[in-house]
C-alpha atoms as a PDB file:
ATOM      1  CA  MET A   1      26.456  -0.398   6.434  1.00  0.00           C
ATOM      2  CA  PRO A   2      22.835   0.980   5.600  1.00  0.00           C
ATOM      3  CA  LYS A   3      19.912   0.884   8.219  1.00  0.00           C
ATOM      4  CA  TYR A   4      17.382  -1.367   7.051  1.00  0.00           C
ATOM      5  CA  TRP A   5      13.577  -0.336   7.554  1.00  0.00           C
ATOM      6  CA  PHE A   6      12.122  -3.681   6.303  1.00  0.00           C
ATOM      7  CA  LYS A   7      13.119  -6.991   5.843  1.00  0.00           C
ATOM      8  CA  THR A   8      11.643  -9.888   3.315  1.00  0.00           C
ATOM      9  CA  LYS A   9       9.155 -12.237   4.734  1.00  0.00           C
ATOM     10  CA  LYS A  10      10.442 -16.128   4.864  1.00  0.00           C
ATOM     11  CA  LEU A  11       7.275 -17.161   3.703  1.00  0.00           C
ATOM     12  CA  GLY A  12       5.242 -15.814   0.947  1.00  0.00           C
ATOM     13  CA  TRP A  13       5.487 -12.224  -0.843  1.00  0.00           C
ATOM     14  CA  GLY A  14       6.134  -9.077   0.934  1.00  0.00           C
ATOM     15  CA  ILE A  15       8.224  -6.863   3.222  1.00  0.00           C
ATOM     16  CA  THR A  16       8.042  -6.508   7.317  1.00  0.00           C
ATOM     17  CA  PRO A  17       8.924  -3.089   9.185  1.00  0.00           C
ATOM     18  CA  ILE A  18      11.836  -3.490  11.264  1.00  0.00           C
ATOM     19  CA  SER A  19      12.400   0.007  12.410  1.00  0.00           C
ATOM     20  CA  LEU A  20      10.634   2.815  13.650  1.00  0.00           C
ATOM     21  CA  GLU A  21      11.099   4.497  10.065  1.00  0.00           C
ATOM     22  CA  GLY A  22       9.719   1.351   8.569  1.00  0.00           C
ATOM     23  CA  TRP A  23       6.556   1.310  10.938  1.00  0.00           C
ATOM     24  CA  LEU A  24       5.955   5.199   9.774  1.00  0.00           C
ATOM     25  CA  VAL A  25       5.967   4.200   6.480  1.00  0.00           C
ATOM     26  CA  THR A  26       3.720   1.534   6.688  1.00  0.00           C
ATOM     27  CA  ILE A  27       1.116   3.904   8.915  1.00  0.00           C
ATOM     28  CA  LEU A  28       1.632   6.377   6.181  1.00  0.00           C
ATOM     29  CA  LEU A  29       0.753   3.803   3.634  1.00  0.00           C
ATOM     30  CA  ALA A  30      -2.353   3.024   5.456  1.00  0.00           C
ATOM     31  CA  VAL A  31      -3.775   6.290   6.109  1.00  0.00           C
ATOM     32  CA  SER A  32      -2.950   7.075   2.232  1.00  0.00           C
ATOM     33  CA  LEU A  33      -5.256   3.821   1.163  1.00  0.00           C
ATOM     34  CA  LEU A  34      -7.837   4.898   3.774  1.00  0.00           C
ATOM     35  CA  ILE A  35      -7.643   8.418   2.349  1.00  0.00           C
ATOM     36  CA  LEU A  36      -7.991   7.306  -1.356  1.00  0.00           C
ATOM     37  CA  ALA A  37     -11.028   5.169  -0.464  1.00  0.00           C
ATOM     38  CA  TRP A  38     -12.766   8.104   1.064  1.00  0.00           C
ATOM     39  CA  ILE A  39     -11.809  10.293  -2.247  1.00  0.00           C
ATOM     40  CA  ASP A  40     -12.865   7.567  -4.443  1.00  0.00           C
ATOM     41  CA  GLY A  41     -16.362   7.353  -2.774  1.00  0.00           C
ATOM     42  CA  VAL A  42     -15.799   3.735  -1.524  1.00  0.00           C
ATOM     43  CA  PHE A  43     -17.282   4.390   2.134  1.00  0.00           C
ATOM     44  CA  GLU A  44     -20.558   5.846   0.214  1.00  0.00           C
ATOM     45  CA  ILE A  45     -21.218   2.945  -2.568  1.00  0.00           C
ATOM     46  CA  TYR A  46     -24.500   1.914  -0.649  1.00  0.00           C
ATOM     47  CA  LYS A  47     -26.068   4.927  -1.704  1.00  0.00           C
ATOM     48  CA  VAL A  48     -25.286   4.417  -5.700  1.00  0.00           C
ATOM     49  CA  SER A  49     -26.546   2.062  -8.281  1.00  0.00           C
ATOM     50  CA  GLU A  50     -24.313  -1.268  -8.854  1.00  0.00           C
ATOM     51  CA  SER A  51     -22.386   0.002 -12.128  1.00  0.00           C
ATOM     52  CA  VAL A  52     -21.303   3.009 -10.171  1.00  0.00           C
ATOM     53  CA  VAL A  53     -20.102   0.256  -7.427  1.00  0.00           C
ATOM     54  CA  HIS A  54     -18.200  -1.375  -9.924  1.00  0.00           C
ATOM     55  CA  ARG A  55     -16.397   1.541 -11.149  1.00  0.00           C
ATOM     56  CA  THR A  56     -15.602   2.958  -7.782  1.00  0.00           C
ATOM     57  CA  VAL A  57     -14.444  -0.282  -6.611  1.00  0.00           C
ATOM     58  CA  LEU A  58     -12.281  -0.974  -9.632  1.00  0.00           C
ATOM     59  CA  ARG A  59     -10.555   2.857  -9.261  1.00  0.00           C
ATOM     60  CA  PHE A  60     -10.061   2.043  -5.751  1.00  0.00           C
ATOM     61  CA  VAL A  61      -7.998  -0.964  -6.587  1.00  0.00           C
ATOM     62  CA  PHE A  62      -6.159   0.690  -9.216  1.00  0.00           C
ATOM     63  CA  ASP A  63      -5.309   3.762  -7.110  1.00  0.00           C
ATOM     64  CA  SER A  64      -3.900   1.032  -4.543  1.00  0.00           C
ATOM     65  CA  LEU A  65      -1.773  -0.611  -6.548  1.00  0.00           C
ATOM     66  CA  ILE A  66      -0.171   2.673  -7.873  1.00  0.00           C
ATOM     67  CA  VAL A  67       0.137   3.948  -4.406  1.00  0.00           C
ATOM     68  CA  SER A  68       1.790   0.588  -3.083  1.00  0.00           C
ATOM     69  CA  LEU A  69       3.757  -0.069  -6.080  1.00  0.00           C
ATOM     70  CA  LEU A  70       5.392   3.311  -5.660  1.00  0.00           C
ATOM     71  CA  THR A  71       5.845   2.933  -1.844  1.00  0.00           C
ATOM     72  CA  VAL A  72       7.901  -0.372  -2.600  1.00  0.00           C
ATOM     73  CA  CYS A  73       9.736   1.392  -5.359  1.00  0.00           C
ATOM     74  CA  LEU A  74      10.808   4.413  -3.214  1.00  0.00           C
ATOM     75  CA  PHE A  75      11.806   2.509  -0.511  1.00  0.00           C
ATOM     76  CA  ARG A  76      13.303  -0.797  -2.088  1.00  0.00           C
ATOM     77  CA  LYS A  77      16.952   0.400  -0.793  1.00  0.00           C
ATOM     78  CA  LYS A  78      15.645  -0.136   2.866  1.00  0.00           C
ATOM     79  CA  VAL A  79      14.972  -3.940   2.666  1.00  0.00           C
ATOM     80  CA  LYS A  80      17.143  -6.114   3.874  1.00  0.00           C
ATOM     81  CA  GLY A  81      16.710  -9.102   1.442  1.00  0.00           C
ATOM     82  CA  GLU A  82      15.626  -9.553  -2.289  1.00  0.00           C
ATOM     83  CA  LEU A  83      12.495  -8.156  -3.270  1.00  0.00           C
ATOM     84  CA  GLY A  84      12.315 -10.585  -6.207  1.00  0.00           C
ATOM     85  CA  ILE A  85      11.152  -7.181  -8.608  1.00  0.00           C
END
Protein backbone atom coordinates (compact mmCIF):
# COMPACT_ATOMS: atom_id res chain seq x y z
CA MET A 1 0.00 0.00 0.00
CA PRO A 2 1.56 3.33 -1.04
CA LYS A 3 2.15 6.09 1.48
CA TYR A 4 0.14 9.16 0.56
CA TRP A 5 1.52 12.66 1.05
CA PHE A 6 -1.70 14.59 0.33
CA LYS A 7 -5.46 14.11 0.48
CA THR A 8 -8.19 15.82 -1.48
CA LYS A 9 -10.36 18.38 0.28
CA LYS A 10 -13.93 17.44 1.14
CA LEU A 11 -15.23 20.85 0.08
CA GLY A 12 -13.77 22.83 -2.81
CA TRP A 13 -10.76 22.16 -4.99
CA GLY A 14 -7.25 21.32 -3.93
CA ILE A 15 -5.19 19.02 -1.81
CA THR A 16 -3.97 19.14 1.79
CA PRO A 17 -0.67 17.74 3.08
CA ILE A 18 -1.06 14.77 5.45
CA SER A 19 2.58 13.68 5.92
CA LEU A 20 5.99 15.22 6.50
CA GLU A 21 6.85 14.80 2.82
CA GLY A 22 3.65 16.59 1.84
CA TRP A 23 4.45 19.50 4.13
CA LEU A 24 7.98 19.71 2.71
CA VAL A 25 6.62 19.86 -0.85
CA THR A 26 4.12 22.55 0.23
CA ILE A 27 6.87 24.63 1.85
CA LEU A 28 9.09 24.16 -1.22
CA LEU A 29 6.23 25.36 -3.44
CA ALA A 30 5.69 28.46 -1.27
CA VAL A 31 9.41 29.29 -1.33
CA SER A 32 9.49 28.74 -5.10
CA LEU A 33 6.61 31.18 -5.56
CA LEU A 34 8.39 33.79 -3.42
CA ILE A 35 11.56 33.36 -5.50
CA LEU A 36 9.50 33.69 -8.70
CA ALA A 37 7.94 36.89 -7.37
CA TRP A 38 11.40 38.27 -6.65
CA ILE A 39 12.73 37.24 -10.09
CA ASP A 40 9.69 38.72 -11.87
CA GLY A 41 10.11 41.99 -9.95
CA VAL A 42 6.79 41.89 -8.08
CA PHE A 43 8.34 43.42 -4.98
CA GLU A 44 9.53 46.46 -6.94
CA ILE A 45 6.40 47.38 -8.88
CA TYR A 46 5.97 50.62 -6.95
CA LYS A 47 9.01 52.01 -8.83
CA VAL A 48 7.72 51.54 -12.38
CA SER A 49 4.96 52.71 -14.68
CA GLU A 50 1.47 51.23 -14.82
CA SER A 51 2.05 49.28 -18.05
CA VAL A 52 5.12 47.62 -16.54
CA VAL A 53 3.10 46.75 -13.43
CA HIS A 54 0.46 44.98 -15.53
CA ARG A 55 3.11 43.07 -17.46
CA THR A 56 4.95 42.12 -14.25
CA VAL A 57 1.83 40.88 -12.48
CA LEU A 58 0.68 38.96 -15.56
CA ARG A 59 4.10 37.32 -15.86
CA PHE A 60 4.04 36.33 -12.18
CA VAL A 61 0.51 34.87 -12.45
CA PHE A 62 1.55 32.86 -15.52
CA ASP A 63 4.74 31.59 -13.85
CA SER A 64 2.82 30.71 -10.67
CA LEU A 65 0.25 28.68 -12.62
CA ILE A 66 2.99 26.77 -14.44
CA VAL A 67 4.88 25.94 -11.23
CA SER A 68 1.70 24.97 -9.35
CA LEU A 69 0.38 22.75 -12.15
CA LEU A 70 3.79 21.14 -12.56
CA THR A 71 3.88 20.38 -8.82
CA VAL A 72 0.40 18.82 -8.90
CA CYS A 73 1.30 16.72 -11.96
CA LEU A 74 4.57 15.52 -10.41
CA PHE A 75 2.97 14.47 -7.12
CA ARG A 76 -0.48 13.31 -8.25
CA LYS A 77 0.40 9.67 -7.44
CA LYS A 78 0.91 10.72 -3.81
CA VAL A 79 -2.66 12.03 -3.44
CA LYS A 80 -5.24 9.99 -1.54
CA GLY A 81 -8.50 10.36 -3.48
CA GLU A 82 -9.42 11.64 -6.93
CA LEU A 83 -7.96 14.91 -8.22
CA GLY A 84 -10.44 15.29 -11.03
CA ILE A 85 -7.81 16.08 -13.68
